[in-house]
Protein backbone atom coordinates (compact mmCIF):
# COMPACT_ATOMS: atom_id res chain seq x y z
CA UNK A 1 -10.05 13.06 18.59
CA UNK A 2 -10.88 10.88 15.57
CA UNK A 3 -12.69 7.61 16.04
CA UNK A 4 -10.58 4.52 15.28
CA UNK A 5 -12.30 1.32 14.20
CA UNK A 6 -10.15 -1.67 15.20
CA UNK A 7 -9.43 -4.68 13.02
CA UNK A 8 -11.69 -3.83 10.11
CA UNK A 9 -11.60 -6.27 7.19
CA UNK A 10 -10.16 -5.02 3.88
CA UNK A 11 -13.45 -5.79 2.12
CA UNK A 12 -15.41 -3.99 4.87
CA UNK A 13 -13.25 -0.90 4.28
CA UNK A 14 -14.81 -0.72 0.80
CA UNK A 15 -18.39 -0.71 2.08
CA UNK A 16 -17.51 1.77 4.82
CA UNK A 17 -15.87 4.26 2.42
CA UNK A 18 -18.68 3.92 -0.11
CA UNK A 19 -21.39 4.40 2.51
CA UNK A 20 -19.75 7.57 3.80
CA UNK A 21 -19.32 9.05 0.32
CA UNK A 22 -22.85 8.10 -0.74
CA UNK A 23 -24.12 9.84 2.39
CA UNK A 24 -21.90 12.89 1.89
CA UNK A 25 -22.68 13.56 -1.79
CA UNK A 26 -26.05 12.91 -3.47
CA UNK A 27 -24.28 12.77 -6.85
CA UNK A 28 -22.36 9.59 -5.92
CA UNK A 29 -23.86 6.28 -7.02
CA UNK A 30 -22.63 2.71 -7.44
CA UNK A 31 -23.12 0.41 -10.40
CA UNK A 32 -21.87 -3.05 -11.33
CA UNK A 33 -22.67 -6.73 -11.47
CA UNK A 34 -24.25 -8.05 -8.23
CA UNK A 35 -23.30 -4.94 -6.23
CA UNK A 36 -26.89 -4.50 -4.98
CA UNK A 37 -28.87 -7.10 -3.05
CA UNK A 38 -26.15 -9.79 -3.33
CA UNK A 39 -23.64 -7.36 -1.78
CA UNK A 40 -20.97 -8.14 -4.39
CA UNK A 41 -19.33 -11.44 -5.23
CA UNK A 42 -16.67 -10.69 -2.55
CA UNK A 43 -19.22 -9.04 -0.20
CA UNK A 44 -17.41 -5.72 -0.54
CA UNK A 45 -20.68 -3.82 -1.08
CA UNK A 46 -22.73 -5.74 1.47
CA UNK A 47 -25.50 -3.68 3.07
CA UNK A 48 -25.32 -0.69 0.72
CA UNK A 49 -28.46 -1.59 -1.23
CA UNK A 50 -30.50 -1.85 1.99
CA UNK A 51 -29.12 1.49 3.18
CA UNK A 52 -29.36 3.55 -0.03
CA UNK A 53 -31.85 1.72 -2.25
CA UNK A 54 -32.11 1.09 -5.97
CA UNK A 55 -31.89 4.79 -6.89
CA UNK A 56 -28.23 4.87 -5.73
CA UNK A 57 -27.09 1.23 -6.05
CA UNK A 58 -27.56 -0.27 -9.51
CA UNK A 59 -27.20 -3.94 -10.37
CA UNK A 60 -26.22 -4.23 -14.02
CA UNK A 61 -26.23 -6.97 -16.63
CA UNK A 62 -22.97 -8.85 -17.27
CA UNK A 63 -21.82 -6.15 -19.67
CA UNK A 64 -18.62 -4.33 -18.73
CA UNK A 65 -18.83 -2.08 -21.79
CA UNK A 66 -22.26 -0.91 -20.67
CA UNK A 67 -21.08 -0.35 -17.08
CA UNK A 68 -18.19 1.91 -18.08
CA UNK A 69 -20.14 3.59 -20.89
CA UNK A 70 -22.91 4.45 -18.44
CA UNK A 71 -20.37 5.78 -15.93
CA UNK A 72 -18.79 8.05 -18.56
CA UNK A 73 -22.15 9.46 -19.61
CA UNK A 74 -23.25 9.98 -16.01
CA UNK A 75 -20.02 11.78 -15.13
CA UNK A 76 -20.40 14.08 -18.14
CA UNK A 77 -23.74 15.23 -16.70
CA UNK A 78 -22.26 16.03 -13.27
CA UNK A 79 -22.73 12.78 -11.36
CA UNK A 80 -19.92 10.87 -9.59
CA UNK A 81 -20.27 7.19 -10.49
CA UNK A 82 -18.39 4.37 -8.82
CA UNK A 83 -18.27 1.41 -11.20
CA UNK A 84 -17.25 -2.09 -10.20
CA UNK A 85 -15.57 -4.55 -12.56
CA UNK A 86 -16.12 -7.83 -10.73
CA UNK A 87 -12.80 -9.35 -11.85
CA UNK A 88 -10.02 -7.03 -13.01
CA UNK A 89 -9.32 -9.39 -15.90
CA UNK A 90 -12.59 -8.26 -17.50
CA UNK A 91 -11.11 -4.81 -18.00
CA UNK A 92 -10.17 -6.25 -21.38
CA UNK A 93 -13.86 -6.28 -22.33
CA UNK A 94 -14.24 -2.54 -21.70
CA UNK A 95 -10.66 -1.51 -22.49
CA UNK A 96 -11.66 0.90 -25.27
CA UNK A 97 -14.09 2.73 -23.01
CA UNK A 98 -11.40 3.20 -20.36
CA UNK A 99 -8.36 3.90 -22.56
CA UNK A 100 -9.88 5.83 -25.45
CA UNK A 101 -12.96 7.47 -23.95
CA UNK A 102 -12.70 7.85 -20.16
CA UNK A 103 -8.99 8.71 -20.10
CA UNK A 104 -9.27 11.34 -22.86
CA UNK A 105 -12.69 12.91 -22.29
CA UNK A 106 -11.57 15.78 -20.05
CA UNK A 107 -8.56 16.53 -22.27
CA UNK A 108 -10.62 16.58 -25.46
CA UNK A 109 -13.11 19.02 -23.97
CA UNK A 110 -10.34 21.36 -22.92
CA UNK A 111 -11.18 20.74 -19.27
CA UNK A 112 -14.75 21.93 -19.71
CA UNK A 113 -16.14 18.54 -18.66
CA UNK A 114 -14.79 16.79 -15.56
CA UNK A 115 -14.71 13.00 -15.50
CA UNK A 116 -15.10 12.00 -11.81
CA UNK A 117 -15.36 8.25 -12.41
CA UNK A 118 -14.00 5.74 -9.93
CA UNK A 119 -13.61 2.17 -11.17
CA UNK A 120 -13.08 -0.59 -8.62
CA UNK A 121 -11.39 -3.82 -9.77
CA UNK A 122 -10.97 -7.12 -7.90
CA UNK A 123 -7.36 -7.82 -8.79
CA UNK A 124 -4.65 -10.44 -8.35
CA UNK A 125 -4.09 -14.10 -7.69
CA UNK A 126 -3.09 -16.57 -4.96
CA UNK A 127 -6.60 -17.97 -4.46
CA UNK A 128 -6.78 -20.45 -7.35
CA UNK A 129 -9.18 -18.70 -9.73
CA UNK A 130 -7.28 -19.62 -12.89
CA UNK A 131 -5.78 -17.76 -15.82
CA UNK A 132 -8.77 -15.54 -16.65
CA UNK A 133 -9.65 -14.47 -13.09
CA UNK A 134 -6.29 -14.05 -11.33
CA UNK A 135 -4.30 -11.41 -13.19
CA UNK A 136 -2.82 -8.16 -11.91
CA UNK A 137 -3.95 -5.82 -14.67
CA UNK A 138 -2.95 -2.36 -13.38
CA UNK A 139 -0.02 -2.43 -15.80
CA UNK A 140 -2.42 -2.57 -18.75
CA UNK A 141 -3.22 1.12 -18.20
CA UNK A 142 0.20 2.63 -17.47
CA UNK A 143 0.51 4.25 -20.89
CA UNK A 144 -2.80 6.10 -20.89
CA UNK A 145 -2.51 9.74 -19.85
CA UNK A 146 -5.54 10.95 -17.94
CA UNK A 147 -5.90 7.93 -15.65
CA UNK A 148 -4.92 7.67 -11.98
CA UNK A 149 -4.04 4.13 -10.86
CA UNK A 150 -4.19 3.11 -7.18
CA UNK A 151 -3.36 -0.23 -5.55
CA UNK A 152 -3.95 0.05 -1.78
CA UNK A 153 -2.63 -2.75 0.41
CA UNK A 154 -4.22 -2.24 3.84
CA UNK A 155 -7.79 -1.61 5.01
CA UNK A 156 -6.85 1.95 6.09
CA UNK A 157 -5.22 2.73 2.74
CA UNK A 158 -8.11 1.22 0.78
CA UNK A 159 -10.64 3.19 2.82
CA UNK A 160 -8.76 6.48 2.52
CA UNK A 161 -7.80 6.13 -1.14
CA UNK A 162 -11.30 5.11 -2.21
CA UNK A 163 -12.74 8.21 -0.52
CA UNK A 164 -10.10 10.41 -2.20
CA UNK A 165 -10.80 8.75 -5.55
CA UNK A 166 -14.53 9.44 -5.40
CA UNK A 167 -13.87 13.12 -4.66
CA UNK A 168 -11.36 13.48 -7.50
CA UNK A 169 -12.52 15.13 -10.73
CA UNK A 170 -10.39 12.76 -12.84
CA UNK A 171 -10.90 9.04 -13.52
CA UNK A 172 -9.33 6.86 -10.83
CA UNK A 173 -8.80 3.11 -11.15
CA UNK A 174 -8.73 1.45 -7.72
CA UNK A 175 -7.37 -2.11 -7.65
CA UNK A 176 -8.44 -4.20 -4.65
CA UNK A 177 -6.53 -7.44 -4.15
CA UNK A 178 -8.78 -10.47 -3.83
CA UNK A 179 -6.39 -12.33 -1.52
CA UNK A 180 -6.48 -9.41 0.93
CA UNK A 181 -10.24 -9.07 1.35
CA UNK A 182 -10.17 -10.89 4.69
CA UNK A 183 -7.04 -9.12 5.99
CA UNK A 184 -7.65 -6.74 8.87
CA UNK A 185 -6.37 -3.45 10.24
CA UNK A 186 -7.42 -0.32 12.10
CA UNK A 187 -9.19 2.51 10.26
CA UNK A 188 -9.36 6.12 11.37
CA UNK A 189 -12.86 7.31 10.49
CA UNK A 190 -12.89 10.12 7.94
CA UNK A 191 -9.16 10.02 7.20
CA UNK A 192 -8.36 10.50 3.52
CA UNK A 193 -5.22 9.00 2.02
CA UNK A 194 -3.73 11.40 -0.55
CA UNK A 195 -3.40 10.08 -4.06
CA UNK A 196 0.18 10.03 -5.35
CA UNK A 197 1.86 9.65 -1.95
CA UNK A 198 3.77 6.48 -1.06
CA UNK A 199 3.92 4.91 2.39
CA UNK A 200 7.26 4.09 4.03
CA UNK A 201 6.24 0.87 5.73
CA UNK A 202 9.64 0.16 7.27
CA UNK A 203 12.78 2.27 7.44
CA UNK A 204 16.18 0.76 6.74
CA UNK A 205 19.67 1.50 5.49
CA UNK A 206 20.74 -1.42 3.26
CA UNK A 207 18.22 -1.76 0.43
CA UNK A 208 15.04 -0.09 -0.86
CA UNK A 209 12.23 -2.56 -1.55
CA UNK A 210 9.15 -1.27 -3.37
CA UNK A 211 6.10 -3.55 -3.32
CA UNK A 212 2.31 -3.30 -3.23
CA UNK A 213 -0.66 -5.36 -2.11
CA UNK A 214 0.07 -9.08 -1.59
CA UNK A 215 3.75 -8.57 -2.36
CA UNK A 216 3.97 -5.85 0.28
CA UNK A 217 2.81 -8.37 2.87
CA UNK A 218 5.35 -10.92 1.73
CA UNK A 219 8.10 -8.30 1.71
CA UNK A 220 7.23 -7.37 5.31
CA UNK A 221 7.68 -11.01 6.29
CA UNK A 222 10.92 -11.24 4.31
CA UNK A 223 12.20 -8.08 5.99
CA UNK A 224 11.75 -9.63 9.43
CA UNK A 225 13.74 -12.70 8.38
CA UNK A 226 16.52 -10.56 6.91
CA UNK A 227 16.65 -8.33 9.98
CA UNK A 228 17.76 -11.33 12.05
CA UNK A 229 20.69 -11.67 9.63
CA UNK A 230 21.59 -7.99 10.00
CA UNK A 231 20.14 -6.86 6.65
CA UNK A 232 18.22 -3.61 7.12
CA UNK A 233 15.36 -3.28 4.60
CA UNK A 234 13.53 -0.06 3.79
CA UNK A 235 10.10 -1.09 2.50
CA UNK A 236 7.98 1.34 0.48
CA UNK A 237 4.39 0.76 -0.62
CA UNK A 238 3.67 3.10 -3.56
CA UNK A 239 -0.12 2.94 -2.95
CA UNK A 240 -0.56 4.96 -6.16
CA UNK A 241 1.01 3.36 -9.24
CA UNK A 242 0.29 6.33 -11.50
CA UNK A 243 1.47 8.92 -10.65
CA UNK A 244 4.29 7.16 -8.81
CA UNK A 245 5.76 8.95 -5.80
CA UNK A 246 9.33 8.93 -7.10
CA UNK A 247 10.34 11.67 -4.67
CA UNK A 248 9.93 9.34 -1.68
CA UNK A 249 11.49 6.38 -3.50
CA UNK A 250 14.46 8.38 -4.83
CA UNK A 251 15.16 9.72 -1.35
CA UNK A 252 15.31 6.15 -0.09
CA UNK A 253 17.60 4.98 -2.93
CA UNK A 254 20.05 7.80 -2.20
CA UNK A 255 20.27 6.45 1.34
CA UNK A 256 20.48 2.71 0.62
CA UNK A 257 22.14 2.56 -2.81
CA UNK A 258 20.05 -0.44 -3.83
CA UNK A 259 16.56 -0.99 -5.30
CA UNK A 260 14.37 -4.00 -5.93
CA UNK A 261 10.73 -3.81 -7.07
CA UNK A 262 8.74 -6.89 -6.06
CA UNK A 263 5.56 -7.35 -8.06
CA UNK A 264 2.97 -10.02 -8.68
CA UNK A 265 2.76 -9.21 -12.39
CA UNK A 266 5.31 -10.19 -15.03
CA UNK A 267 8.14 -7.77 -15.77
CA UNK A 268 7.61 -6.50 -19.37
CA UNK A 269 5.70 -3.21 -19.43
CA UNK A 270 5.23 -3.17 -15.66
CA UNK A 271 5.38 -0.38 -13.09
CA UNK A 272 8.37 -2.12 -11.53
CA UNK A 273 10.34 -2.18 -14.77
CA UNK A 274 9.44 1.45 -15.37
CA UNK A 275 10.58 2.45 -11.88
CA UNK A 276 13.88 0.57 -12.27
CA UNK A 277 14.53 2.33 -15.60
CA UNK A 278 13.64 5.76 -14.22
CA UNK A 279 15.79 5.23 -11.13
CA UNK A 280 18.79 4.02 -13.11
CA UNK A 281 18.51 7.02 -15.43
CA UNK A 282 18.25 9.62 -12.69
CA UNK A 283 20.29 8.09 -9.86
CA UNK A 284 22.93 6.03 -11.62
CA UNK A 285 25.80 7.33 -9.46
CA UNK A 286 24.06 6.32 -6.21
CA UNK A 287 23.69 2.60 -6.97
CA UNK A 288 26.00 0.06 -5.30
CA UNK A 289 24.48 -2.73 -7.40
CA UNK A 290 22.19 -2.77 -10.46
CA UNK A 291 18.49 -2.17 -9.60
CA UNK A 292 16.18 -5.01 -10.50
CA UNK A 293 12.65 -6.38 -10.36
CA UNK A 294 11.44 -9.62 -8.86
CA UNK A 295 8.36 -10.54 -10.85
CA UNK A 296 6.05 -13.39 -11.76
CA UNK A 297 6.65 -15.49 -14.82
CA UNK A 298 5.49 -14.28 -18.24
CA UNK A 299 2.89 -17.04 -18.54
CA UNK A 300 -0.82 -17.31 -17.84
CA UNK A 301 -1.56 -17.65 -14.13
CA UNK A 302 -1.67 -21.39 -13.31
CA UNK A 303 -4.85 -22.80 -11.83
CA UNK A 304 -3.23 -25.41 -9.57
CA UNK A 305 -2.46 -23.91 -6.17
CA UNK A 306 1.04 -25.38 -6.05
CA UNK A 307 1.90 -24.01 -9.50
CA UNK A 308 0.34 -20.61 -8.79
CA UNK A 309 2.55 -20.23 -5.71
CA UNK A 310 5.64 -21.13 -7.75
CA UNK A 311 4.57 -18.65 -10.42
CA UNK A 312 4.61 -15.57 -8.16
CA UNK A 313 7.36 -14.30 -5.84
CA UNK A 314 7.38 -16.14 -2.52
CA UNK A 315 8.85 -14.97 0.79
CA UNK A 316 11.79 -17.32 0.24
CA UNK A 317 12.47 -15.95 -3.24
CA UNK A 318 12.31 -12.39 -1.95
CA UNK A 319 14.74 -13.20 0.87
CA UNK A 320 17.19 -14.93 -1.47
CA UNK A 321 17.05 -12.13 -4.05
CA UNK A 322 17.79 -9.47 -1.45
CA UNK A 323 20.62 -11.54 0.04
CA UNK A 324 22.21 -11.79 -3.40
CA UNK A 325 21.93 -8.04 -4.01
CA UNK A 326 23.45 -7.21 -0.61
CA UNK A 327 26.36 -9.59 -1.22
CA UNK A 328 27.49 -7.66 -4.32
């Protein structure tokens, strides 16, 4: 019987998964800003430097281009680097390395060179870090073939997806939500979470709600409120944004006849907008009402806590949006 660790923090799930993969495979190493002795700015890599030393855990300069460039070169020689971008917003600094080099390397070598690079990003808002440190940037990479994009919401999913990512021979971007680092949940030791498979968080018959990370949590709360009113929500956490598990989501839509994608990012060019378009194209005859997204405003993320909370979907907004869809 597998060992279950109770109430493990989301951030601790990172260190646990990394420690196990570092122990399992000598080719795995970690690099990034302050990931060593400081244990990471969010303490997600705490204790790894003491356990594995400077030959496996590398503190880097504040140079995202160098971090990703080093990871690409290391992977080409057979190593399995795990690179940390301290704030996901700084993916803009190394965007060329990710989009034009990392994503295309295996394709351009005809599959002769694997690119087993895992990049961890601290993503998302709701903790008052301002416009340059609070964005959800997974949508920036949706149009780049060759990348896998994961956004785990729970400690167990983060633990299992991170382990799967490190073992994958393709580049995997793992987005960890900053506002969830202190959230807790049980973890089954050694359990991998398959990439590309969604989680049905709650079954229901009236509407399909697709949401990830912080929005998943808010949708769970909204679902409880709506259940009292007799509205039966089916909540799906995609876990992997690219490739999206449309099979699970389409099955749900065929049952409920309604779809809303709740996302922290703005709508244009987002995974939610893409899923709504794909669903409407393929399942038009099943819909009882038009599918839609509930998204944040197309503005920079406000710094003031009160404005930031107005900027992103709240539990009340989610409840009201679903009520309106059910009424049609």
